[in-house]
C-alpha atoms as a PDB file:
ATOM      1  CA  MET A   1       0.531  -0.036   0.435  1.00  0.00           C
ATOM      2  CA  ARG A   2       1.092   3.400  -0.712  1.00  0.00           C
ATOM      3  CA  THR A   3       1.701   5.822   1.557  1.00  0.00           C
ATOM      4  CA  GLN A   4       0.265   9.160   1.777  1.00  0.00           C
ATOM      5  CA  SER A   5       3.401  10.460   0.967  1.00  0.00           C
ATOM      6  CA  SER A   6       4.303   8.402  -1.988  1.00  0.00           C
ATOM      7  CA  VAL A   7       0.753   9.502  -2.946  1.00  0.00           C
ATOM      8  CA  MET A   8       1.286  13.275  -2.910  1.00  0.00           C
ATOM      9  CA  ALA A   9       4.671  12.678  -4.722  1.00  0.00           C
ATOM     10  CA  CYS A  10       2.760  11.186  -7.782  1.00  0.00           C
ATOM     11  CA  ILE A  11       0.706  13.795  -7.655  1.00  0.00           C
ATOM     12  CA  LEU A  12       3.593  16.407  -7.910  1.00  0.00           C
ATOM     13  CA  LEU A  13       5.448  14.512 -10.624  1.00  0.00           C
ATOM     14  CA  ALA A  14       1.694  14.295 -12.732  1.00  0.00           C
ATOM     15  CA  CYS A  15       1.035  17.997 -12.460  1.00  0.00           C
ATOM     16  CA  THR A  16       4.889  18.959 -13.245  1.00  0.00           C
ATOM     17  CA  SER A  17       4.782  17.186 -16.160  1.00  0.00           C
ATOM     18  CA  ALA A  18       1.079  18.396 -17.117  1.00  0.00           C
ATOM     19  CA  ALA A  19       2.434  21.829 -16.416  1.00  0.00           C
ATOM     20  CA  ALA A  20       5.136  21.574 -19.316  1.00  0.00           C
ATOM     21  CA  ARG A  21       4.101  22.652 -22.561  1.00  0.00           C
ATOM     22  CA  ASP A  22       5.006  24.786 -25.658  1.00  0.00           C
ATOM     23  CA  ILE A  23       5.415  28.725 -25.747  1.00  0.00           C
ATOM     24  CA  PHE A  24       5.354  29.699 -29.524  1.00  0.00           C
ATOM     25  CA  VAL A  25       6.667  33.238 -30.305  1.00  0.00           C
ATOM     26  CA  ASP A  26       6.449  34.995 -33.847  1.00  0.00           C
ATOM     27  CA  ASN A  27       7.447  38.605 -34.199  1.00  0.00           C
ATOM     28  CA  VAL A  28       5.898  39.540 -37.505  1.00  0.00           C
ATOM     29  CA  LEU A  29       2.347  37.286 -36.452  1.00  0.00           C
ATOM     30  CA  GLY A  30       2.460  37.609 -33.188  1.00  0.00           C
ATOM     31  CA  ASP A  31       1.006  38.981 -30.030  1.00  0.00           C
ATOM     32  CA  ASP A  32       1.960  40.012 -26.761  1.00  0.00           C
ATOM     33  CA  ARG A  33      -1.495  40.139 -25.766  1.00  0.00           C
ATOM     34  CA  ARG A  34      -1.536  36.554 -26.428  1.00  0.00           C
ATOM     35  CA  ALA A  35      -0.446  33.399 -24.951  1.00  0.00           C
ATOM     36  CA  GLY A  36       1.557  31.579 -27.365  1.00  0.00           C
ATOM     37  CA  THR A  37      -0.574  28.686 -27.073  1.00  0.00           C
ATOM     38  CA  MET A  38      -0.109  28.119 -31.018  1.00  0.00           C
ATOM     39  CA  ALA A  39       1.878  28.781 -33.332  1.00  0.00           C
ATOM     40  CA  VAL A  40      -0.321  29.848 -36.123  1.00  0.00           C
ATOM     41  CA  VAL A  41      -3.216  32.924 -34.927  1.00  0.00           C
ATOM     42  CA  VAL A  42      -6.455  31.507 -35.076  1.00  0.00           C
ATOM     43  CA  GLY A  43      -8.857  34.764 -34.229  1.00  0.00           C
ATOM     44  CA  GLU A  44      -7.550  37.603 -31.946  1.00  0.00           C
ATOM     45  CA  ASP A  45      -7.125  35.959 -28.476  1.00  0.00           C
ATOM     46  CA  VAL A  46      -4.882  32.266 -30.256  1.00  0.00           C
ATOM     47  CA  GLY A  47      -1.852  32.410 -31.531  1.00  0.00           C
ATOM     48  CA  PRO A  48       1.724  33.129 -31.036  1.00  0.00           C
ATOM     49  CA  CYS A  49       3.466  35.732 -28.525  1.00  0.00           C
ATOM     50  CA  ARG A  50       5.399  38.704 -30.573  1.00  0.00           C
ATOM     51  CA  SER A  51       8.383  38.619 -28.067  1.00  0.00           C
ATOM     52  CA  ILE A  52      10.572  36.302 -25.997  1.00  0.00           C
ATOM     53  CA  SER A  53      10.617  38.359 -23.370  1.00  0.00           C
ATOM     54  CA  LYS A  54       6.772  37.997 -22.591  1.00  0.00           C
ATOM     55  CA  ALA A  55       7.249  34.002 -23.623  1.00  0.00           C
ATOM     56  CA  LEU A  56       9.457  34.323 -20.501  1.00  0.00           C
ATOM     57  CA  ARG A  57       7.287  36.579 -18.399  1.00  0.00           C
ATOM     58  CA  ILE A  58       4.607  33.423 -18.326  1.00  0.00           C
ATOM     59  CA  ALA A  59       6.552  30.753 -18.562  1.00  0.00           C
ATOM     60  CA  LEU A  60       6.536  28.028 -16.013  1.00  0.00           C
ATOM     61  CA  PRO A  61       9.565  25.199 -14.797  1.00  0.00           C
ATOM     62  CA  GLY A  62       9.994  22.937 -18.052  1.00  0.00           C
ATOM     63  CA  ASP A  63       8.439  24.884 -20.772  1.00  0.00           C
ATOM     64  CA  ARG A  64       9.529  25.192 -24.291  1.00  0.00           C
ATOM     65  CA  ILE A  65       9.414  28.171 -26.179  1.00  0.00           C
ATOM     66  CA  VAL A  66       9.799  28.102 -30.037  1.00  0.00           C
ATOM     67  CA  VAL A  67      11.023  30.827 -31.649  1.00  0.00           C
ATOM     68  CA  THR A  68       9.644  31.083 -35.612  1.00  0.00           C
ATOM     69  CA  ASN A  69      12.311  32.453 -37.835  1.00  0.00           C
ATOM     70  CA  THR A  70      10.869  34.872 -39.520  1.00  0.00           C
ATOM     71  CA  GLY A  71      13.822  36.189 -41.253  1.00  0.00           C
ATOM     72  CA  GLN A  72      13.436  39.425 -39.417  1.00  0.00           C
ATOM     73  CA  PRO A  73      15.373  39.782 -36.420  1.00  0.00           C
ATOM     74  CA  TYR A  74      14.288  39.722 -32.626  1.00  0.00           C
ATOM     75  CA  ARG A  75      15.198  43.007 -31.808  1.00  0.00           C
ATOM     76  CA  GLU A  76      15.356  42.265 -27.821  1.00  0.00           C
ATOM     77  CA  SER A  77      16.997  41.756 -24.836  1.00  0.00           C
ATOM     78  CA  ILE A  78      16.286  38.495 -22.715  1.00  0.00           C
ATOM     79  CA  THR A  79      16.948  36.909 -19.137  1.00  0.00           C
ATOM     80  CA  LEU A  80      16.763  33.550 -17.549  1.00  0.00           C
ATOM     81  CA  GLN A  81      16.332  33.946 -14.209  1.00  0.00           C
ATOM     82  CA  GLY A  82      15.650  31.765 -11.240  1.00  0.00           C
ATOM     83  CA  PRO A  83      12.973  28.800 -10.836  1.00  0.00           C
ATOM     84  CA  ASN A  84      10.449  29.553 -13.843  1.00  0.00           C
ATOM     85  CA  HIS A  85      13.086  29.673 -15.886  1.00  0.00           C
ATOM     86  CA  SER A  86      14.566  26.189 -14.995  1.00  0.00           C
ATOM     87  CA  GLY A  87      13.675  22.741 -15.682  1.00  0.00           C
ATOM     88  CA  ASP A  88      14.430  19.126 -13.917  1.00  0.00           C
ATOM     89  CA  ASP A  89      16.084  15.896 -15.293  1.00  0.00           C
ATOM     90  CA  ARG A  90      12.922  15.066 -17.384  1.00  0.00           C
ATOM     91  CA  PHE A  91      12.159  18.255 -18.467  1.00  0.00           C
ATOM     92  CA  ALA A  92      14.356  21.288 -19.512  1.00  0.00           C
ATOM     93  CA  LEU A  93      13.442  24.765 -19.996  1.00  0.00           C
ATOM     94  CA  ALA A  94      14.169  25.151 -23.428  1.00  0.00           C
ATOM     95  CA  ILE A  95      13.972  28.180 -25.913  1.00  0.00           C
ATOM     96  CA  VAL A  96      14.256  26.345 -29.499  1.00  0.00           C
ATOM     97  CA  GLY A  97      15.595  29.360 -31.896  1.00  0.00           C
ATOM     98  CA  ASN A  98      14.847  27.325 -35.456  1.00  0.00           C
ATOM     99  CA  GLY A  99      17.791  29.500 -36.474  1.00  0.00           C
ATOM    100  CA  ALA A 100      16.033  32.939 -35.481  1.00  0.00           C
ATOM    101  CA  THR A 101      18.548  36.455 -34.779  1.00  0.00           C
ATOM    102  CA  LEU A 102      18.711  38.394 -31.518  1.00  0.00           C
ATOM    103  CA  ASP A 103      19.926  42.028 -32.346  1.00  0.00           C
ATOM    104  CA  GLY A 104      21.053  44.255 -30.355  1.00  0.00           C
ATOM    105  CA  THR A 105      22.257  47.023 -32.697  1.00  0.00           C
ATOM    106  CA  TYR A 106      21.036  50.599 -32.404  1.00  0.00           C
ATOM    107  CA  SER A 107      20.677  53.316 -35.451  1.00  0.00           C
ATOM    108  CA  LEU A 108      22.808  55.849 -35.355  1.00  0.00           C
ATOM    109  CA  ALA A 109      21.268  57.402 -37.983  1.00  0.00           C
ATOM    110  CA  ASN A 110      20.457  61.081 -35.842  1.00  0.00           C
ATOM    111  CA  ALA A 111      24.060  60.662 -34.320  1.00  0.00           C
ATOM    112  CA  ARG A 112      25.678  63.920 -33.649  1.00  0.00           C
ATOM    113  CA  TRP A 113      29.241  63.470 -35.613  1.00  0.00           C
ATOM    114  CA  GLU A 114      32.401  66.174 -34.867  1.00  0.00           C
ATOM    115  CA  TYR A 115      34.731  66.174 -37.897  1.00  0.00           C
ATOM    116  CA  ALA A 116      38.204  64.713 -36.764  1.00  0.00           C
ATOM    117  CA  GLY A 117      40.309  65.892 -39.770  1.00  0.00           C
ATOM    118  CA  ASN A 118      41.197  63.621 -42.905  1.00  0.00           C
ATOM    119  CA  ASN A 119      37.793  63.007 -43.929  1.00  0.00           C
ATOM    120  CA  THR A 120      37.001  61.072 -40.300  1.00  0.00           C
ATOM    121  CA  PHE A 121      34.515  61.586 -38.454  1.00  0.00           C
ATOM    122  CA  ARG A 122      33.676  60.821 -34.098  1.00  0.00           C
ATOM    123  CA  THR A 123      30.144  60.308 -32.359  1.00  0.00           C
ATOM    124  CA  ARG A 124      29.757  59.423 -28.566  1.00  0.00           C
ATOM    125  CA  PRO A 125      28.157  55.652 -28.363  1.00  0.00           C
ATOM    126  CA  PRO A 126      25.750  55.006 -25.725  1.00  0.00           C
ATOM    127  CA  HIS A 127      28.016  52.310 -24.290  1.00  0.00           C
ATOM    128  CA  LEU A 128      31.813  53.620 -24.364  1.00  0.00           C
ATOM    129  CA  SER A 129      33.437  50.396 -22.828  1.00  0.00           C
ATOM    130  CA  TYR A 130      32.836  48.185 -25.822  1.00  0.00           C
ATOM    131  CA  GLN A 131      31.662  48.417 -29.427  1.00  0.00           C
ATOM    132  CA  GLN A 132      31.255  47.490 -33.007  1.00  0.00           C
ATOM    133  CA  LEU A 133      30.047  49.237 -35.915  1.00  0.00           C
ATOM    134  CA  PHE A 134      27.885  48.517 -38.618  1.00  0.00           C
ATOM    135  CA  LEU A 135      27.352  49.548 -42.777  1.00  0.00           C
ATOM    136  CA  ASP A 136      23.939  48.052 -43.895  1.00  0.00           C
ATOM    137  CA  GLY A 137      24.051  45.319 -41.232  1.00  0.00           C
ATOM    138  CA  GLN A 138      27.124  43.957 -41.626  1.00  0.00           C
ATOM    139  CA  PRO A 139      30.847  44.788 -39.210  1.00  0.00           C
ATOM    140  CA  LEU A 140      33.256  46.777 -40.580  1.00  0.00           C
ATOM    141  CA  VAL A 141      37.173  47.008 -40.345  1.00  0.00           C
ATOM    142  CA  ARG A 142      38.034  48.008 -36.975  1.00  0.00           C
ATOM    143  CA  LYS A 143      41.750  49.574 -36.917  1.00  0.00           C
ATOM    144  CA  GLN A 144      42.842  50.254 -33.688  1.00  0.00           C
ATOM    145  CA  PRO A 145      45.439  53.065 -33.139  1.00  0.00           C
ATOM    146  CA  PRO A 146      49.057  51.580 -31.628  1.00  0.00           C
ATOM    147  CA  PRO A 147      49.689  53.253 -28.002  1.00  0.00           C
ATOM    148  CA  GLY A 148      49.938  56.918 -28.265  1.00  0.00           C
ATOM    149  CA  GLN A 149      49.151  57.527 -31.419  1.00  0.00           C
ATOM    150  CA  SER A 150      45.537  59.212 -32.914  1.00  0.00           C
ATOM    151  CA  PRO A 151      43.282  56.894 -35.185  1.00  0.00           C
ATOM    152  CA  GLN A 152      44.858  56.893 -38.680  1.00  0.00           C
ATOM    153  CA  LEU A 153      41.685  55.126 -41.046  1.00  0.00           C
ATOM    154  CA  ALA A 154      41.123  53.847 -44.515  1.00  0.00           C
ATOM    155  CA  PRO A 155      37.875  54.726 -46.066  1.00  0.00           C
ATOM    156  CA  HIS A 156      34.760  52.573 -44.290  1.00  0.00           C
ATOM    157  CA  GLU A 157      37.581  51.354 -41.479  1.00  0.00           C
ATOM    158  CA  TRP A 158      36.252  52.525 -37.586  1.00  0.00           C
ATOM    159  CA  CYS A 159      37.972  52.382 -34.223  1.00  0.00           C
ATOM    160  CA  LEU A 160      36.982  53.028 -30.574  1.00  0.00           C
ATOM    161  CA  PHE A 161      39.478  55.584 -29.075  1.00  0.00           C
ATOM    162  CA  GLN A 162      38.778  57.460 -25.777  1.00  0.00           C
ATOM    163  CA  GLY A 163      35.309  56.832 -25.728  1.00  0.00           C
ATOM    164  CA  TRP A 164      34.296  57.556 -29.115  1.00  0.00           C
ATOM    165  CA  ILE A 165      33.300  56.145 -32.321  1.00  0.00           C
ATOM    166  CA  TYR A 166      35.895  57.398 -35.315  1.00  0.00           C
ATOM    167  CA  PHE A 167      34.652  56.347 -38.718  1.00  0.00           C
ATOM    168  CA  ARG A 168      35.901  57.655 -42.062  1.00  0.00           C
ATOM    169  CA  ALA A 169      33.771  58.609 -44.981  1.00  0.00           C
ATOM    170  CA  ASP A 170      34.626  58.465 -48.936  1.00  0.00           C
ATOM    171  CA  GLU A 171      35.589  61.698 -50.571  1.00  0.00           C
ATOM    172  CA  GLY A 172      32.546  64.065 -50.253  1.00  0.00           C
ATOM    173  CA  LYS A 173      30.519  62.128 -47.997  1.00  0.00           C
ATOM    174  CA  LEU A 174      29.350  62.646 -44.513  1.00  0.00           C
ATOM    175  CA  PRO A 175      28.246  59.994 -41.945  1.00  0.00           C
ATOM    176  CA  PRO A 176      24.907  60.543 -42.613  1.00  0.00           C
ATOM    177  CA  ALA A 177      24.951  59.335 -45.988  1.00  0.00           C
ATOM    178  CA  TYR A 178      25.449  55.436 -44.755  1.00  0.00           C
ATOM    179  CA  ASN A 179      23.200  53.322 -43.067  1.00  0.00           C
ATOM    180  CA  LEU A 180      25.212  53.285 -39.586  1.00  0.00           C
ATOM    181  CA  SER A 181      24.621  51.139 -36.354  1.00  0.00           C
ATOM    182  CA  CYS A 182      26.353  50.233 -33.136  1.00  0.00           C
ATOM    183  CA  CYS A 183      25.470  47.821 -30.214  1.00  0.00           C
ATOM    184  CA  GLY A 184      22.876  49.640 -28.445  1.00  0.00           C
ATOM    185  CA  GLU A 185      21.567  46.733 -25.843  1.00  0.00           C
ATOM    186  CA  GLN A 186      24.218  44.832 -23.334  1.00  0.00           C
ATOM    187  CA  VAL A 187      23.428  41.063 -23.496  1.00  0.00           C
ATOM    188  CA  GLY A 188      21.905  39.508 -25.594  1.00  0.00           C
ATOM    189  CA  ILE A 189      21.026  36.144 -23.483  1.00  0.00           C
ATOM    190  CA  THR A 190      21.207  36.789 -19.530  1.00  0.00           C
ATOM    191  CA  LEU A 191      21.227  33.733 -17.106  1.00  0.00           C
ATOM    192  CA  TYR A 192      21.826  33.585 -13.959  1.00  0.00           C
ATOM    193  CA  GLU A 193      20.683  30.995 -10.418  1.00  0.00           C
ATOM    194  CA  VAL A 194      18.721  28.597 -13.590  1.00  0.00           C
ATOM    195  CA  HIS A 195      19.182  25.156 -13.598  1.00  0.00           C
ATOM    196  CA  ASP A 196      18.728  22.431 -16.515  1.00  0.00           C
ATOM    197  CA  VAL A 197      18.010  24.611 -19.242  1.00  0.00           C
ATOM    198  CA  ILE A 198      18.488  24.384 -23.116  1.00  0.00           C
ATOM    199  CA  ILE A 199      18.790  27.290 -25.512  1.00  0.00           C
ATOM    200  CA  GLU A 200      19.364  26.436 -29.029  1.00  0.00           C
ATOM    201  CA  ASP A 201      19.326  27.183 -32.880  1.00  0.00           C
ATOM    202  CA  LEU A 202      20.065  31.064 -32.487  1.00  0.00           C
ATOM    203  CA  ALA A 203      21.834  33.661 -33.626  1.00  0.00           C
ATOM    204  CA  VAL A 204      22.931  36.177 -31.105  1.00  0.00           C
ATOM    205  CA  ARG A 205      24.803  39.894 -32.819  1.00  0.00           C
ATOM    206  CA  GLY A 206      25.482  43.138 -32.031  1.00  0.00           C
ATOM    207  CA  PHE A 207      25.483  43.515 -28.069  1.00  0.00           C
ATOM    208  CA  TRP A 208      27.774  45.894 -26.162  1.00  0.00           C
ATOM    209  CA  LEU A 209      28.883  42.792 -23.514  1.00  0.00           C
ATOM    210  CA  ASP A 210      28.416  39.771 -24.656  1.00  0.00           C
ATOM    211  CA  GLY A 211      26.348  37.435 -26.945  1.00  0.00           C
ATOM    212  CA  VAL A 212      24.885  34.803 -24.059  1.00  0.00           C
ATOM    213  CA  ASN A 213      26.182  35.693 -20.236  1.00  0.00           C
ATOM    214  CA  CYS A 214      25.893  32.640 -18.003  1.00  0.00           C
ATOM    215  CA  HIS A 215      26.132  34.950 -14.779  1.00  0.00           C
ATOM    216  CA  ASP A 216      26.433  32.373 -11.765  1.00  0.00           C
ATOM    217  CA  ASN A 217      24.918  29.734 -10.900  1.00  0.00           C
ATOM    218  CA  VAL A 218      23.880  28.402 -13.824  1.00  0.00           C
ATOM    219  CA  ARG A 219      23.910  24.339 -13.303  1.00  0.00           C
ATOM    220  CA  ARG A 220      23.193  21.730 -16.166  1.00  0.00           C
ATOM    221  CA  THR A 221      22.909  24.069 -18.899  1.00  0.00           C
ATOM    222  CA  ASP A 222      23.519  23.648 -22.554  1.00  0.00           C
ATOM    223  CA  LEU A 223      24.035  25.858 -25.155  1.00  0.00           C
ATOM    224  CA  VAL A 224      23.701  23.991 -28.419  1.00  0.00           C
ATOM    225  CA  ARG A 225      24.112  25.663 -32.378  1.00  0.00           C
ATOM    226  CA  ILE A 226      24.824  29.259 -30.986  1.00  0.00           C
ATOM    227  CA  THR A 227      25.945  31.497 -33.134  1.00  0.00           C
ATOM    228  CA  ALA A 228      27.285  34.700 -31.369  1.00  0.00           C
ATOM    229  CA  LYS A 229      28.712  37.082 -33.683  1.00  0.00           C
ATOM    230  CA  ASP A 230      29.965  40.616 -33.516  1.00  0.00           C
ATOM    231  CA  ASN A 231      29.245  41.461 -30.041  1.00  0.00           C
ATOM    232  CA  GLY A 232      31.247  44.140 -28.407  1.00  0.00           C
ATOM    233  CA  ARG A 233      33.056  42.105 -25.803  1.00  0.00           C
ATOM    234  CA  SER A 234      32.528  38.035 -26.188  1.00  0.00           C
ATOM    235  CA  GLY A 235      30.354  35.495 -27.789  1.00  0.00           C
ATOM    236  CA  ILE A 236      29.564  33.429 -24.906  1.00  0.00           C
ATOM    237  CA  SER A 237      30.675  34.312 -21.273  1.00  0.00           C
ATOM    238  CA  VAL A 238      30.357  31.650 -18.306  1.00  0.00           C
ATOM    239  CA  GLY A 239      30.753  33.044 -14.704  1.00  0.00           C
ATOM    240  CA  GLY A 240      30.642  32.909 -11.097  1.00  0.00           C
ATOM    241  CA  SER A 241      30.213  28.717  -9.795  1.00  0.00           C
ATOM    242  CA  SER A 242      28.451  27.987 -13.501  1.00  0.00           C
ATOM    243  CA  ARG A 243      28.118  24.439 -14.783  1.00  0.00           C
ATOM    244  CA  VAL A 244      27.379  25.304 -18.757  1.00  0.00           C
ATOM    245  CA  ARG A 245      28.065  22.738 -21.816  1.00  0.00           C
ATOM    246  CA  ILE A 246      28.714  24.840 -25.349  1.00  0.00           C
ATOM    247  CA  ASP A 247      28.400  22.272 -27.707  1.00  0.00           C
ATOM    248  CA  THR A 248      28.130  22.986 -31.996  1.00  0.00           C
ATOM    249  CA  CYS A 249      28.246  27.141 -31.468  1.00  0.00           C
ATOM    250  CA  THR A 250      30.088  29.028 -33.883  1.00  0.00           C
ATOM    251  CA  ALA A 251      31.805  32.236 -32.694  1.00  0.00           C
ATOM    252  CA  ALA A 252      33.277  35.236 -34.462  1.00  0.00           C
ATOM    253  CA  GLY A 253      34.083  38.822 -34.727  1.00  0.00           C
ATOM    254  CA  ASN A 254      33.584  39.256 -30.877  1.00  0.00           C
ATOM    255  CA  GLY A 255      35.726  42.399 -29.326  1.00  0.00           C
ATOM    256  CA  GLU A 256      37.971  40.901 -26.799  1.00  0.00           C
ATOM    257  CA  ALA A 257      37.348  37.046 -26.897  1.00  0.00           C
ATOM    258  CA  GLN A 258      35.187  34.502 -28.626  1.00  0.00           C
ATOM    259  CA  VAL A 259      34.533  32.330 -25.419  1.00  0.00           C
ATOM    260  CA  ARG A 260      35.268  33.838 -21.892  1.00  0.00           C
ATOM    261  CA  VAL A 261      35.429  32.041 -18.472  1.00  0.00           C
ATOM    262  CA  GLU A 262      36.087  33.496 -15.364  1.00  0.00           C
ATOM    263  CA  GLY A 263      35.430  32.444 -11.762  1.00  0.00           C
ATOM    264  CA  TYR A 264      34.996  29.053 -10.304  1.00  0.00           C
ATOM    265  CA  CYS A 265      32.964  28.133 -13.626  1.00  0.00           C
ATOM    266  CA  ILE A 266      33.039  24.798 -15.286  1.00  0.00           C
ATOM    267  CA  VAL A 267      32.971  24.955 -19.167  1.00  0.00           C
ATOM    268  CA  GLN A 268      32.588  21.588 -21.013  1.00  0.00           C
ATOM    269  CA  MET A 269      33.709  22.393 -25.170  1.00  0.00           C
ATOM    270  CA  LEU A 270      32.517  19.739 -27.714  1.00  0.00           C
ATOM    271  CA  ASP A 271      32.733  20.398 -31.173  1.00  0.00           C
ATOM    272  CA  ASN A 272      32.604  24.490 -31.510  1.00  0.00           C
ATOM    273  CA  VAL A 273      34.184  26.733 -34.427  1.00  0.00           C
ATOM    274  CA  LEU A 274      35.328  30.204 -32.560  1.00  0.00           C
ATOM    275  CA  ASP A 275      37.353  32.147 -35.319  1.00  0.00           C
ATOM    276  CA  ALA A 276      40.218  34.050 -33.416  1.00  0.00           C
ATOM    277  CA  THR A 277      40.777  36.833 -36.195  1.00  0.00           C
ATOM    278  CA  SER A 278      39.219  39.497 -34.665  1.00  0.00           C
ATOM    279  CA  ALA A 279      39.873  38.541 -30.953  1.00  0.00           C
ATOM    280  CA  PRO A 280      41.370  35.017 -29.007  1.00  0.00           C
ATOM    281  CA  ALA A 281      39.469  32.098 -29.332  1.00  0.00           C
ATOM    282  CA  VAL A 282      39.137  31.521 -25.738  1.00  0.00           C
ATOM    283  CA  VAL A 283      39.851  33.962 -22.730  1.00  0.00           C
ATOM    284  CA  ARG A 284      40.542  32.271 -19.395  1.00  0.00           C
ATOM    285  CA  GLU A 285      40.140  34.735 -15.905  1.00  0.00           C
ATOM    286  CA  GLY A 286      39.824  31.594 -13.463  1.00  0.00           C
ATOM    287  CA  GLY A 287      37.628  29.069 -14.356  1.00  0.00           C
ATOM    288  CA  ARG A 288      37.799  25.563 -15.881  1.00  0.00           C
ATOM    289  CA  ILE A 289      37.807  24.434 -19.243  1.00  0.00           C
ATOM    290  CA  VAL A 290      36.408  20.302 -20.212  1.00  0.00           C
ATOM    291  CA  LYS A 291      37.126  18.882 -23.736  1.00  0.00           C
ATOM    292  CA  GLY A 292      35.901  16.413 -24.988  1.00  0.00           C
ATOM    293  CA  GLU A 293      32.555  14.098 -24.355  1.00  0.00           C
END
């Protein structure tokens, strides 16, 4: 005969299983007044959410957020924190990106530029510590001056110097003639005090600090097929006492590191492509990296 405690355990297990569900997100057809119960729109009240942030606000432990790749970037910064954004050993809290992009860029169409000589102009970005500069959505060549020297740029090159973005225009053109943008949002995906999480098949770009930041106490969490490119500091950062697996991810074009590891974390690295052209593949400021299975 079952004891009262075992019966209660079975009831709790059934309730937890029943709570796991799919929440659908679509930034073209979606509406954040909806609960995301279906991937398609059925009347005014039934259909996908518009933002991943809304899906996270209503998520329960073990839910799966399914993001539609509409071809339009999701211009938002998202945070996973606490028990509602966690799972367990049976049902992970999952974000399935389907190749969609989180984009943190900020248009410089209304920026105030100062002439700095030699067809070069400068403007103060919204964030000074790390940056990237984009033309028509693509990263421009960065050329930092040697210590003690001022910027010397070729056309369409840029640098971050003494808190200013410097950009050299073509002869006879001014910066407003270009479709320029820089990093505006801080972090694409922040994780803090969560466990049993899977984030897969998302591109994260244009954030002034990190594409993905596993800040602290992030446990049993997998980053799978994440593409983290052209962020100001790093593509993926793991710190504190986190335990994270980075699996089949790509990081390139980030400013200081493709992957950054610090604190007392343990990071398992599997089959990743880390392009060291713009910055080192891995920067360790503590932590431990485990390779292989």
